Amino acid sequence: MARTHRLYLAGEITAHGFGQFYKPTEERLNQLTAELPKLQAEVDLMKVDRLSEAEILQEATTLYDRWPS
């Protein structure tokens, strides 16, 4: 990327050519950046669900162990 930028600055690549080369990459970067908060929320929800599952399993085990009494 830096090398291409240097070629553009040196006049070896036109502004149009530079734009055509980087526009799809820039658009994809913007899409990924916009998607990050949603993905982070999904990860956080999975962590909470996993903690909840562990707590439920612990409570069930405790109940099973205390059932005779």
N, C-alpha and C. Protein backbone atom coordinates (compact mmCIF):
# COMPACT_ATOMS: atom_id res chain seq x y z
N MET A 1 0.83 -1.18 0.00
CA MET A 1 0.00 0.00 0.00
C MET A 1 0.88 1.25 0.00
N ALA A 2 1.91 1.24 0.84
CA ALA A 2 2.81 2.39 0.89
C ALA A 2 3.53 2.56 -0.44
N ARG A 3 3.90 1.46 -1.05
CA ARG A 3 4.60 1.53 -2.34
C ARG A 3 3.68 2.12 -3.41
N THR A 4 2.43 1.70 -3.43
CA THR A 4 1.47 2.24 -4.39
C THR A 4 1.25 3.73 -4.15
N HIS A 5 1.19 4.11 -2.88
CA HIS A 5 1.02 5.51 -2.55
C HIS A 5 2.22 6.33 -3.04
N ARG A 6 3.41 5.79 -2.86
CA ARG A 6 4.61 6.48 -3.37
C ARG A 6 4.56 6.62 -4.88
N LEU A 7 4.08 5.60 -5.59
CA LEU A 7 3.96 5.68 -7.05
C LEU A 7 2.97 6.78 -7.43
N TYR A 8 1.87 6.87 -6.68
CA TYR A 8 0.89 7.93 -6.94
C TYR A 8 1.53 9.30 -6.72
N LEU A 9 2.25 9.46 -5.62
CA LEU A 9 2.89 10.75 -5.33
C LEU A 9 3.95 11.10 -6.37
N ALA A 10 4.58 10.09 -6.92
CA ALA A 10 5.61 10.32 -7.93
C ALA A 10 5.01 10.56 -9.32
N GLY A 11 3.69 10.45 -9.42
CA GLY A 11 3.04 10.69 -10.70
C GLY A 11 3.02 9.48 -11.61
N GLU A 12 3.39 8.33 -11.09
CA GLU A 12 3.41 7.11 -11.90
C GLU A 12 2.01 6.50 -12.04
N ILE A 13 1.14 6.84 -11.12
CA ILE A 13 -0.24 6.34 -11.15
C ILE A 13 -1.15 7.56 -11.11
N THR A 14 -2.20 7.54 -11.93
CA THR A 14 -3.14 8.65 -11.94
C THR A 14 -4.05 8.56 -10.71
N ALA A 15 -4.68 9.68 -10.41
CA ALA A 15 -5.62 9.70 -9.28
C ALA A 15 -6.76 8.73 -9.54
N HIS A 16 -7.21 8.65 -10.79
CA HIS A 16 -8.29 7.73 -11.14
C HIS A 16 -7.85 6.28 -10.93
N GLY A 17 -6.64 5.94 -11.37
CA GLY A 17 -6.12 4.59 -11.19
C GLY A 17 -5.93 4.24 -9.73
N PHE A 18 -5.43 5.19 -8.98
CA PHE A 18 -5.24 5.00 -7.55
C PHE A 18 -6.59 4.75 -6.87
N GLY A 19 -7.58 5.55 -7.24
CA GLY A 19 -8.92 5.40 -6.67
C GLY A 19 -9.56 4.07 -7.03
N GLN A 20 -9.39 3.64 -8.27
CA GLN A 20 -9.97 2.36 -8.69
C GLN A 20 -9.34 1.20 -7.92
N PHE A 21 -8.06 1.32 -7.66
CA PHE A 21 -7.36 0.25 -6.96
C PHE A 21 -7.79 0.16 -5.49
N TYR A 22 -7.93 1.30 -4.83
CA TYR A 22 -8.19 1.32 -3.40
C TYR A 22 -9.65 1.44 -2.99
N LYS A 23 -10.51 1.86 -3.89
CA LYS A 23 -11.92 2.06 -3.53
C LYS A 23 -12.58 0.78 -3.00
N PRO A 24 -12.45 -0.37 -3.69
CA PRO A 24 -13.07 -1.59 -3.14
C PRO A 24 -12.52 -1.97 -1.76
N THR A 25 -11.23 -1.79 -1.56
CA THR A 25 -10.63 -2.10 -0.27
C THR A 25 -11.15 -1.16 0.81
N GLU A 26 -11.25 0.09 0.48
CA GLU A 26 -11.76 1.08 1.43
C GLU A 26 -13.22 0.79 1.79
N GLU A 27 -14.03 0.42 0.79
CA GLU A 27 -15.43 0.10 1.05
C GLU A 27 -15.54 -1.12 1.96
N ARG A 28 -14.72 -2.13 1.71
CA ARG A 28 -14.77 -3.33 2.54
C ARG A 28 -14.32 -3.02 3.98
N LEU A 29 -13.31 -2.19 4.12
CA LEU A 29 -12.87 -1.77 5.44
C LEU A 29 -13.99 -1.06 6.18
N ASN A 30 -14.71 -0.18 5.50
CA ASN A 30 -15.84 0.53 6.12
C ASN A 30 -16.94 -0.45 6.52
N GLN A 31 -17.20 -1.46 5.68
CA GLN A 31 -18.21 -2.47 6.03
C GLN A 31 -17.80 -3.23 7.28
N LEU A 32 -16.54 -3.64 7.32
CA LEU A 32 -16.06 -4.40 8.48
C LEU A 32 -16.07 -3.56 9.74
N THR A 33 -15.69 -2.31 9.62
CA THR A 33 -15.68 -1.40 10.77
C THR A 33 -17.10 -1.20 11.30
N ALA A 34 -18.06 -1.09 10.39
CA ALA A 34 -19.45 -0.92 10.80
C ALA A 34 -20.00 -2.19 11.45
N GLU A 35 -19.48 -3.34 11.05
CA GLU A 35 -19.98 -4.61 11.56
C GLU A 35 -19.37 -4.99 12.92
N LEU A 36 -18.26 -4.39 13.27
CA LEU A 36 -17.58 -4.73 14.51
C LEU A 36 -18.45 -4.61 15.77
N PRO A 37 -19.19 -3.52 15.98
CA PRO A 37 -20.01 -3.45 17.19
C PRO A 37 -21.04 -4.58 17.29
N LYS A 38 -21.64 -4.95 16.17
CA LYS A 38 -22.62 -6.04 16.17
C LYS A 38 -21.95 -7.35 16.55
N LEU A 39 -20.79 -7.61 15.98
CA LEU A 39 -20.07 -8.83 16.29
C LEU A 39 -19.61 -8.86 17.74
N GLN A 40 -19.17 -7.72 18.26
CA GLN A 40 -18.75 -7.66 19.66
C GLN A 40 -19.94 -7.93 20.58
N ALA A 41 -21.11 -7.42 20.21
CA ALA A 41 -22.31 -7.67 21.01
C ALA A 41 -22.65 -9.16 21.00
N GLU A 42 -22.50 -9.82 19.86
CA GLU A 42 -22.76 -11.26 19.78
C GLU A 42 -21.77 -12.03 20.66
N VAL A 43 -20.52 -11.65 20.63
CA VAL A 43 -19.51 -12.31 21.46
C VAL A 43 -19.85 -12.12 22.94
N ASP A 44 -20.21 -10.90 23.31
CA ASP A 44 -20.56 -10.62 24.70
C ASP A 44 -21.76 -11.44 25.14
N LEU A 45 -22.76 -11.56 24.28
CA LEU A 45 -23.95 -12.36 24.60
C LEU A 45 -23.57 -13.83 24.78
N MET A 46 -22.70 -14.32 23.92
CA MET A 46 -22.25 -15.71 24.06
C MET A 46 -21.51 -15.94 25.37
N LYS A 47 -20.71 -14.96 25.79
CA LYS A 47 -20.00 -15.07 27.07
C LYS A 47 -20.99 -15.12 28.23
N VAL A 48 -22.00 -14.26 28.18
CA VAL A 48 -23.01 -14.24 29.24
C VAL A 48 -23.78 -15.55 29.25
N ASP A 49 -24.15 -16.04 28.06
CA ASP A 49 -24.87 -17.32 27.98
C ASP A 49 -24.03 -18.46 28.55
N ARG A 50 -22.74 -18.44 28.24
CA ARG A 50 -21.86 -19.49 28.74
C ARG A 50 -21.76 -19.42 30.27
N LEU A 51 -21.65 -18.22 30.81
CA LEU A 51 -21.61 -18.07 32.26
C LEU A 51 -22.91 -18.54 32.88
N SER A 52 -24.03 -18.22 32.23
CA SER A 52 -25.33 -18.64 32.75
C SER A 52 -25.45 -20.16 32.73
N GLU A 53 -24.95 -20.78 31.66
CA GLU A 53 -24.98 -22.24 31.58
C GLU A 53 -24.17 -22.86 32.71
N ALA A 54 -23.00 -22.30 32.98
CA ALA A 54 -22.15 -22.82 34.05
C ALA A 54 -22.84 -22.67 35.40
N GLU A 55 -23.51 -21.55 35.61
CA GLU A 55 -24.21 -21.33 36.87
C GLU A 55 -25.38 -22.31 37.03
N ILE A 56 -26.12 -22.52 35.96
CA ILE A 56 -27.25 -23.46 36.00
C ILE A 56 -26.75 -24.87 36.28
N LEU A 57 -25.67 -25.26 35.63
CA LEU A 57 -25.10 -26.58 35.86
C LEU A 57 -24.66 -26.73 37.31
N GLN A 58 -24.02 -25.71 37.86
CA GLN A 58 -23.58 -25.74 39.26
C GLN A 58 -24.78 -25.87 40.20
N GLU A 59 -25.83 -25.11 39.94
CA GLU A 59 -27.03 -25.18 40.79
C GLU A 59 -27.69 -26.56 40.69
N ALA A 60 -27.74 -27.13 39.50
CA ALA A 60 -28.32 -28.46 39.33
C ALA A 60 -27.50 -29.51 40.06
N THR A 61 -26.19 -29.40 39.99
CA THR A 61 -25.31 -30.33 40.69
C THR A 61 -25.50 -30.21 42.20
N THR A 62 -25.60 -28.99 42.69
CA THR A 62 -25.82 -28.78 44.11
C THR A 62 -27.16 -29.37 44.54
N LEU A 63 -28.19 -29.16 43.75
CA LEU A 63 -29.51 -29.72 44.06
C LEU A 63 -29.45 -31.24 44.08
N TYR A 64 -28.78 -31.83 43.11
CA TYR A 64 -28.66 -33.28 43.04
C TYR A 64 -27.93 -33.81 44.27
N ASP A 65 -26.85 -33.14 44.65
CA ASP A 65 -26.08 -33.59 45.82
C ASP A 65 -26.88 -33.46 47.10
N ARG A 66 -27.74 -32.48 47.20
CA ARG A 66 -28.53 -32.24 48.43
C ARG A 66 -29.88 -32.95 48.42
N TRP A 67 -30.24 -33.58 47.32
CA TRP A 67 -31.56 -34.18 47.17
C TRP A 67 -31.90 -35.14 48.32
N PRO A 68 -31.01 -36.01 48.74
CA PRO A 68 -31.37 -36.92 49.82
C PRO A 68 -31.74 -36.22 51.12
N SER A 69 -31.16 -35.05 51.35
CA SER A 69 -31.45 -34.38 52.62
C SER A 69 -32.60 -33.44 52.44
